Amino acid sequence: MNTITPIQLQEKINDKEDFILIDVREEFEHTDFNIGGLLIPMNTIFENIAAIPKNKPVVLYCAKGIRSAMVIQRLEEKYDYTNLINLSGGMYSWKSVFFCK
């Protein structure tokens, strides 16, 4: 599974690279704190498959990187995605890098 660190993701954002960012947490988690992107909760991922392109990098994130990893595994197995990237450590890691210095 391809992964990306919070610092690498911030560089992609700063460089305005062409990629899609997807939050697979629940709406209340997204509302509480998010780094942008499209909210597609894990339990609705398959009904929103059309929103997940195969022709550019897609970074998925959740609280700890576990749910997003599960989503990536399912999408790769069932729909043959090869462009999905998991944010290592999720929002916990993001917060520890950018807010706990």
Protein backbone atom coordinates (compact mmCIF):
# COMPACT_ATOMS: atom_id res chain seq x y z
CA MET A 1 0.00 0.00 0.00
CA ASN A 2 1.28 3.42 -0.90
CA THR A 3 1.55 5.82 2.03
CA ILE A 4 2.32 9.48 2.55
CA THR A 5 3.47 11.33 5.66
CA PRO A 6 1.77 14.49 6.90
CA ILE A 7 4.80 16.54 5.82
CA GLN A 8 4.78 15.05 2.31
CA LEU A 9 1.03 15.69 2.02
CA GLN A 10 1.46 19.30 3.14
CA GLU A 11 4.10 19.72 0.43
CA LYS A 12 1.63 18.38 -2.19
CA ILE A 13 -0.98 20.84 -0.93
CA ASN A 14 1.48 23.75 -0.90
CA ASP A 15 2.71 22.89 -4.41
CA LYS A 16 -0.90 22.73 -5.63
CA GLU A 17 -0.28 19.29 -7.10
CA ASP A 18 -3.16 17.66 -8.96
CA PHE A 19 -4.57 15.04 -6.60
CA ILE A 20 -7.80 14.22 -4.79
CA LEU A 21 -8.06 14.25 -0.99
CA ILE A 22 -10.76 12.11 0.64
CA ASP A 23 -11.74 11.95 4.32
CA VAL A 24 -13.33 8.56 5.15
CA ARG A 25 -14.28 9.49 8.72
CA GLU A 26 -17.80 10.24 9.90
CA GLU A 27 -19.32 13.68 9.37
CA PHE A 28 -18.98 14.71 13.03
CA GLU A 29 -15.25 13.90 12.93
CA HIS A 30 -14.81 15.88 9.71
CA THR A 31 -16.72 18.83 11.17
CA ASP A 32 -14.60 18.75 14.32
CA PHE A 33 -11.28 18.91 12.41
CA ASN A 34 -10.27 18.27 8.82
CA ILE A 35 -7.58 19.18 6.32
CA GLY A 36 -9.98 19.63 3.45
CA GLY A 37 -10.96 17.30 0.72
CA LEU A 38 -14.11 15.41 -0.02
CA LEU A 39 -15.97 13.72 2.84
CA ILE A 40 -16.96 10.17 1.92
CA PRO A 41 -17.51 8.18 5.13
CA MET A 42 -16.17 4.64 5.04
CA ASN A 43 -19.63 3.08 5.08
CA THR A 44 -20.66 5.03 1.96
CA ILE A 45 -17.52 4.55 -0.11
CA PHE A 46 -18.97 2.04 -2.57
CA GLU A 47 -22.07 4.10 -3.29
CA ASN A 48 -19.76 7.05 -4.04
CA ILE A 49 -17.29 5.16 -6.21
CA ALA A 50 -17.84 7.56 -9.12
CA ALA A 51 -16.22 10.35 -7.04
CA ILE A 52 -12.94 8.43 -6.80
CA PRO A 53 -10.93 8.79 -10.02
CA LYS A 54 -8.41 6.27 -11.29
CA ASN A 55 -6.45 8.74 -13.40
CA LYS A 56 -4.76 10.84 -10.68
CA PRO A 57 -3.40 10.29 -7.18
CA VAL A 58 -6.02 9.96 -4.44
CA VAL A 59 -4.99 10.45 -0.81
CA LEU A 60 -7.36 9.00 1.78
CA TYR A 61 -7.31 9.83 5.47
CA CYS A 62 -9.09 9.02 8.71
CA ALA A 63 -8.32 9.41 12.40
CA LYS A 64 -5.41 6.95 12.70
CA GLY A 65 -4.91 5.61 9.17
CA ILE A 66 -6.69 2.33 9.87
CA ARG A 67 -10.07 2.99 8.23
CA SER A 68 -8.47 4.63 5.22
CA ALA A 69 -6.14 1.62 4.84
CA MET A 70 -9.15 -0.71 4.92
CA VAL A 71 -10.94 1.38 2.29
CA ILE A 72 -7.86 1.34 0.08
CA GLN A 73 -7.53 -2.43 0.37
CA ARG A 74 -11.18 -2.93 -0.57
CA LEU A 75 -11.02 -0.53 -3.51
CA GLU A 76 -7.83 -2.11 -4.81
CA GLU A 77 -9.26 -5.62 -4.54
CA LYS A 78 -12.76 -4.97 -5.82
CA TYR A 79 -12.20 -2.15 -8.35
CA ASP A 80 -8.53 -2.52 -9.34
CA TYR A 81 -7.42 0.92 -8.14
CA THR A 82 -3.67 1.50 -8.32
CA ASN A 83 -3.50 5.22 -7.48
CA LEU A 84 -4.60 5.28 -3.83
CA ILE A 85 -2.40 6.62 -1.04
CA ASN A 86 -2.95 6.33 2.71
CA LEU A 87 -2.06 9.20 5.05
CA SER A 88 0.20 7.48 7.60
CA GLY A 89 -1.18 7.90 11.10
CA GLY A 90 -4.20 9.89 9.90
CA MET A 91 -5.32 13.01 11.72
CA TYR A 92 -3.54 11.98 14.92
CA SER A 93 -0.24 12.07 13.08
CA TRP A 94 -1.16 15.29 11.26
CA LYS A 95 -1.98 17.04 14.54
CA SER A 96 1.19 15.77 16.23
CA VAL A 97 3.35 17.10 13.38
CA PHE A 98 1.69 20.49 12.90
CA PHE A 99 0.14 21.36 16.26
CA CYS A 100 2.36 19.83 18.93
CA LYS A 101 5.71 21.44 18.19
